[in-house]
Amino acid sequence: MSSILNGRPDLNKKVYEVAEVAGCLWQKGWAERNGGNITINVTDYVDDNIRQLPAISEIKAIGLNLPAIRNNYFYCKGTGKRMRDLAKDPMANGSIIRVLDDGAHYVVIADNPVQPTSELPSHLLVHNWFIESGSTYSATLHTHPIDLIAMSHHASFLQKDVLTNILWSMIPETKAFCPKGLGIVPYCLPGSNELAQATLKELNDYDVVLWEKHGVFAVDTDIINAFDQIDVLSKSAQIYIASKNMGYTPEGMSMEQMHEMTIAFNLPK
């Protein structure tokens, strides 16, 4: 079977970046069974031949009316699919969908009739917001970092920006590569509209959001950058936890030292 990726190097590159990240998530232990989701907007890599491809699935309702993503195309991890399998064969464990002209329905167009993640509505809600707000972001990633989830089980870390400042202070690179820090969403039912709306609210101020007792949601210009932001936060969490396991609370960088970083690297204040 011919793949939609054949002869389209830019589209192929974007899909295989997802495969690369999926492999990293599995290797880190952040993607048990079919845990986690990835969705990227690939509309910029779609040509006229792709636009003319027929649907290979029934028309499905998104469950939301999202006018900004009408006639947009997305690569999505498949529902029930494992990240470790997606890493090996992204077009057998994910699919490319077309949002229809009404902004409320979609069809699968390639390569196989793999239904997208069950959390597709919340992912597409965020993509709709990207376009409405004029953002250049095109990637959304949800995964289950062990250390960050563990920290979300303690109320003292869940106050606004408490965890951000702890994690920034563990190693200079964290503030440099995750300059907006970490938003917090109190526990919500996974896949619920409540969770989606709460996440969207946090994304006004943050690129990475911690879902209490559940996982992390990150957005960026591409899937590699979204993964990198979670990765640096996770490294800081590991340093903090390792220090506590050694019997002391780490001192961390001072506020003055972090301010110096902000100035030196021209980071958001």
Protein backbone atom coordinates (compact mmCIF):
# COMPACT_ATOMS: atom_id res chain seq x y z
CA MET A 1 0.00 0.00 0.00
CA SER A 2 1.33 3.40 -0.98
CA SER A 3 1.67 5.89 1.85
CA ILE A 4 0.54 9.51 1.78
CA LEU A 5 4.08 10.30 2.94
CA ASN A 6 5.70 9.01 -0.28
CA GLY A 7 7.15 11.84 -2.36
CA ARG A 8 6.32 14.42 0.31
CA PRO A 9 9.55 14.93 2.29
CA ASP A 10 8.25 17.78 4.47
CA LEU A 11 5.15 15.87 5.54
CA ASN A 12 7.24 12.74 6.04
CA LYS A 13 9.65 14.66 8.28
CA LYS A 14 6.85 15.99 10.48
CA VAL A 15 5.24 12.58 10.94
CA TYR A 16 8.55 10.92 11.72
CA GLU A 17 9.32 13.61 14.29
CA VAL A 18 6.21 12.32 16.05
CA ALA A 19 7.58 8.78 15.75
CA GLU A 20 10.88 9.93 17.28
CA VAL A 21 9.13 11.56 20.22
CA ALA A 22 6.88 8.52 20.70
CA GLY A 23 9.98 6.36 21.04
CA CYS A 24 11.47 8.75 23.59
CA LEU A 25 8.25 8.72 25.64
CA TRP A 26 8.27 4.92 25.73
CA GLN A 27 11.96 4.70 26.64
CA LYS A 28 11.47 7.15 29.51
CA GLY A 29 8.59 5.12 30.92
CA TRP A 30 6.12 7.94 30.30
CA ALA A 31 3.87 5.98 27.93
CA GLU A 32 2.58 2.82 29.58
CA ARG A 33 0.28 0.71 27.40
CA ASN A 34 -1.58 3.21 25.18
CA GLY A 35 -0.97 6.18 27.47
CA GLY A 36 -0.50 9.63 26.03
CA ASN A 37 -1.56 11.48 22.91
CA ILE A 38 0.03 13.53 20.14
CA THR A 39 -1.65 15.74 17.55
CA ILE A 40 0.10 17.99 15.02
CA ASN A 41 -1.34 20.35 12.43
CA VAL A 42 0.06 19.33 9.02
CA THR A 43 -2.06 21.64 6.86
CA ASP A 44 1.03 23.53 5.63
CA TYR A 45 2.37 20.28 4.11
CA VAL A 46 -0.81 19.32 2.25
CA ASP A 47 -0.95 19.63 -1.54
CA ASP A 48 -3.86 19.59 -3.99
CA ASN A 49 -3.64 15.83 -4.47
CA ILE A 50 -4.08 15.28 -0.74
CA ARG A 51 -7.02 17.68 -0.67
CA GLN A 52 -8.72 15.52 -3.30
CA LEU A 53 -8.23 12.25 -1.42
CA PRO A 54 -11.48 10.54 -0.50
CA ALA A 55 -12.37 9.70 3.07
CA ILE A 56 -11.51 6.19 4.27
CA SER A 57 -13.72 6.45 7.34
CA GLU A 58 -17.23 7.47 8.21
CA ILE A 59 -17.84 11.12 9.03
CA LYS A 60 -17.27 11.57 12.75
CA ALA A 61 -18.48 14.37 15.01
CA ILE A 62 -15.80 16.23 16.96
CA GLY A 63 -18.33 17.18 19.62
CA LEU A 64 -17.37 20.84 19.37
CA ASN A 65 -17.79 23.56 16.76
CA LEU A 66 -14.27 24.74 15.88
CA PRO A 67 -14.49 27.17 12.95
CA ALA A 68 -10.82 28.17 12.91
CA ILE A 69 -9.68 24.66 11.93
CA ARG A 70 -12.16 24.12 9.09
CA ASN A 71 -10.46 22.25 6.23
CA ASN A 72 -7.31 21.76 8.31
CA TYR A 73 -5.38 18.49 8.38
CA PHE A 74 -3.93 16.78 11.45
CA TYR A 75 -1.74 13.78 12.14
CA CYS A 76 -3.10 12.09 15.27
CA LYS A 77 -2.04 9.13 17.37
CA GLY A 78 -4.67 6.41 17.11
CA THR A 79 -7.00 5.56 19.94
CA GLY A 80 -5.83 2.47 21.83
CA LYS A 81 -2.45 2.56 20.04
CA ARG A 82 0.85 2.28 21.87
CA MET A 83 3.63 4.86 21.62
CA ARG A 84 6.19 2.08 21.22
CA ASP A 85 4.33 0.84 18.13
CA LEU A 86 3.83 4.35 16.76
CA ALA A 87 7.60 4.85 16.99
CA LYS A 88 8.09 1.92 14.61
CA ASP A 89 5.20 2.59 12.21
CA PRO A 90 3.45 5.95 12.63
CA MET A 91 1.01 5.47 9.76
CA ALA A 92 -0.25 2.14 11.10
CA ASN A 93 -0.70 3.54 14.62
CA GLY A 94 -1.93 6.99 13.72
CA SER A 95 -3.72 8.66 10.86
CA ILE A 96 -4.19 11.91 9.00
CA ILE A 97 -7.61 13.48 9.35
CA ARG A 98 -9.37 16.30 7.52
CA VAL A 99 -11.67 18.61 9.48
CA LEU A 100 -14.73 19.27 7.35
CA ASP A 101 -15.98 22.66 6.24
CA ASP A 102 -18.47 22.87 9.11
CA GLY A 103 -15.66 22.75 11.71
CA ALA A 104 -17.63 20.15 13.64
CA HIS A 105 -16.84 16.88 11.86
CA TYR A 106 -13.81 15.06 10.47
CA VAL A 107 -12.85 12.11 8.30
CA VAL A 108 -9.71 9.96 8.14
CA ILE A 109 -7.97 10.25 4.78
CA ALA A 110 -4.72 8.28 5.26
CA ASP A 111 -3.11 5.77 5.49
CA ASN A 112 -5.44 3.43 7.37
CA PRO A 113 -8.85 3.99 8.99
CA VAL A 114 -7.24 4.38 12.42
CA GLN A 115 -9.54 6.39 14.65
CA PRO A 116 -7.77 9.28 16.42
CA THR A 117 -7.21 9.51 20.13
CA SER A 118 -10.32 9.64 22.30
CA GLU A 119 -9.05 13.02 23.54
CA LEU A 120 -9.19 14.46 20.02
CA PRO A 121 -11.82 17.12 20.93
CA SER A 122 -9.59 18.67 23.60
CA HIS A 123 -6.54 18.58 21.32
CA LEU A 124 -8.47 20.19 18.44
CA LEU A 125 -9.90 22.79 20.82
CA VAL A 126 -6.32 23.87 21.54
CA HIS A 127 -5.39 23.88 17.84
CA ASN A 128 -8.46 26.01 17.13
CA TRP A 129 -7.27 28.45 19.79
CA PHE A 130 -3.78 28.58 18.24
CA ILE A 131 -5.23 29.79 14.96
CA GLU A 132 -7.72 32.19 16.54
CA SER A 133 -4.97 33.78 18.64
CA GLY A 134 -2.48 34.02 15.77
CA SER A 135 -0.05 31.59 17.39
CA THR A 136 2.61 29.78 15.35
CA TYR A 137 2.19 26.68 17.52
CA SER A 138 1.11 23.49 15.75
CA ALA A 139 1.83 20.60 18.14
CA THR A 140 0.11 19.22 21.25
CA LEU A 141 1.53 16.48 23.47
CA HIS A 142 0.08 14.68 26.47
CA THR A 143 2.21 12.19 28.42
CA HIS A 144 2.77 10.73 31.90
CA PRO A 145 6.15 11.78 33.40
CA ILE A 146 6.57 9.78 36.61
CA ASP A 147 8.41 12.44 38.63
CA LEU A 148 6.13 15.35 37.78
CA ILE A 149 2.99 13.31 38.46
CA ALA A 150 4.46 12.20 41.80
CA MET A 151 4.98 15.85 42.78
CA SER A 152 1.37 16.63 41.82
CA HIS A 153 0.17 14.34 44.61
CA HIS A 154 1.30 16.86 47.26
CA ALA A 155 -0.85 19.95 47.79
CA SER A 156 2.14 22.16 48.62
CA PHE A 157 3.32 21.95 45.00
CA LEU A 158 -0.05 22.84 43.46
CA GLN A 159 -0.26 26.51 44.37
CA LYS A 160 0.34 28.91 41.48
CA ASP A 161 4.00 28.99 40.36
CA VAL A 162 5.32 27.15 43.45
CA LEU A 163 6.41 24.16 41.38
CA THR A 164 7.58 26.41 38.53
CA ASN A 165 10.02 28.22 40.79
CA ILE A 166 11.26 25.02 42.41
CA LEU A 167 11.92 23.40 39.05
CA TRP A 168 13.49 26.53 37.53
CA SER A 169 15.84 26.71 40.50
CA MET A 170 17.21 23.17 40.15
CA ILE A 171 19.31 23.75 37.01
CA PRO A 172 19.77 26.85 34.81
CA GLU A 173 18.70 25.12 31.59
CA THR A 174 15.16 24.60 32.86
CA LYS A 175 14.35 28.30 32.90
CA ALA A 176 16.17 28.76 29.59
CA PHE A 177 14.26 26.01 27.75
CA CYS A 178 10.91 26.22 29.56
CA PRO A 179 10.75 29.97 30.14
CA LYS A 180 7.02 30.20 30.88
CA GLY A 181 7.12 27.54 33.57
CA LEU A 182 4.39 25.09 34.50
CA GLY A 183 0.67 25.74 34.80
CA ILE A 184 -1.45 23.66 37.17
CA VAL A 185 -4.88 22.14 36.56
CA PRO A 186 -6.56 20.54 39.61
CA TYR A 187 -7.79 17.00 39.09
CA CYS A 188 -10.47 16.64 36.41
CA LEU A 189 -11.95 13.56 34.79
CA PRO A 190 -9.60 12.48 31.96
CA GLY A 191 -10.97 13.35 28.54
CA SER A 192 -13.63 15.66 29.98
CA ASN A 193 -14.65 19.05 28.64
CA GLU A 194 -13.86 20.44 32.08
CA LEU A 195 -10.24 19.31 31.73
CA ALA A 196 -9.99 20.73 28.22
CA GLN A 197 -11.35 24.13 29.22
CA ALA A 198 -9.15 24.34 32.32
CA THR A 199 -6.09 23.47 30.22
CA LEU A 200 -6.95 26.09 27.62
CA LYS A 201 -7.19 28.72 30.35
CA GLU A 202 -3.70 27.83 31.65
CA LEU A 203 -2.25 27.97 28.13
CA ASN A 204 -2.83 31.72 28.14
CA ASP A 205 0.19 31.94 30.45
CA TYR A 206 2.09 28.65 30.09
CA ASP A 207 3.25 26.26 27.36
CA VAL A 208 3.26 23.25 29.71
CA VAL A 209 0.40 22.30 32.03
CA LEU A 210 0.48 19.73 34.83
CA TRP A 211 -2.76 17.80 35.30
CA GLU A 212 -2.96 16.84 38.97
CA LYS A 213 -2.50 13.09 39.53
CA HIS A 214 -2.66 12.46 35.77
CA GLY A 215 0.04 13.84 33.49
CA VAL A 216 1.40 16.76 31.51
CA PHE A 217 0.12 18.62 28.44
CA ALA A 218 2.57 20.66 26.35
CA VAL A 219 2.32 22.81 23.23
CA ASP A 220 4.90 24.35 20.92
CA THR A 221 5.86 25.12 17.34
CA ASP A 222 6.65 21.45 16.72
CA ILE A 223 6.48 18.17 18.60
CA ILE A 224 10.22 18.06 19.32
CA ASN A 225 10.08 21.38 21.17
CA ALA A 226 6.96 20.32 23.08
CA PHE A 227 8.76 17.17 24.22
CA ASP A 228 11.92 19.11 25.15
CA GLN A 229 10.00 21.39 27.50
CA ILE A 230 8.60 18.42 29.44
CA ASP A 231 12.00 16.74 29.39
CA VAL A 232 13.79 19.66 31.07
CA LEU A 233 11.06 19.99 33.69
CA SER A 234 11.32 16.27 34.38
CA LYS A 235 15.10 16.53 34.81
CA SER A 236 14.61 19.26 37.41
CA ALA A 237 12.00 17.17 39.21
CA GLN A 238 14.46 14.27 39.30
CA ILE A 239 17.16 16.50 40.81
CA TYR A 240 14.73 17.71 43.48
CA ILE A 241 13.53 14.18 44.30
CA ALA A 242 17.09 12.79 44.32
CA SER A 243 18.13 15.49 46.79
CA LYS A 244 15.19 14.71 49.06
CA ASN A 245 16.05 11.01 48.89
CA MET A 246 19.58 11.90 50.05
CA GLY A 247 18.05 13.46 53.13
CA TYR A 248 18.07 17.18 52.40
CA THR A 249 15.98 19.82 50.66
CA PRO A 250 17.97 21.26 47.75
CA GLU A 251 18.89 24.91 48.08
CA GLY A 252 18.22 25.70 44.43
CA MET A 253 19.22 28.83 42.57
CA SER A 254 18.32 32.06 44.33
CA MET A 255 15.74 34.48 42.92
CA GLU A 256 18.64 36.81 42.08
CA GLN A 257 20.39 34.07 40.12
CA MET A 258 17.20 33.23 38.23
CA HIS A 259 16.66 36.92 37.47
CA GLU A 260 20.21 37.03 36.11
CA MET A 261 19.27 34.11 33.82
CA THR A 262 16.19 35.98 32.63
CA ILE A 263 18.25 39.02 31.65
CA ALA A 264 21.16 37.07 30.14
CA PHE A 265 18.96 34.90 27.93
CA ASN A 266 16.30 37.54 27.20
CA LEU A 267 13.59 35.30 28.67
CA PRO A 268 9.97 36.26 29.41
CA LYS A 269 9.65 37.98 32.78
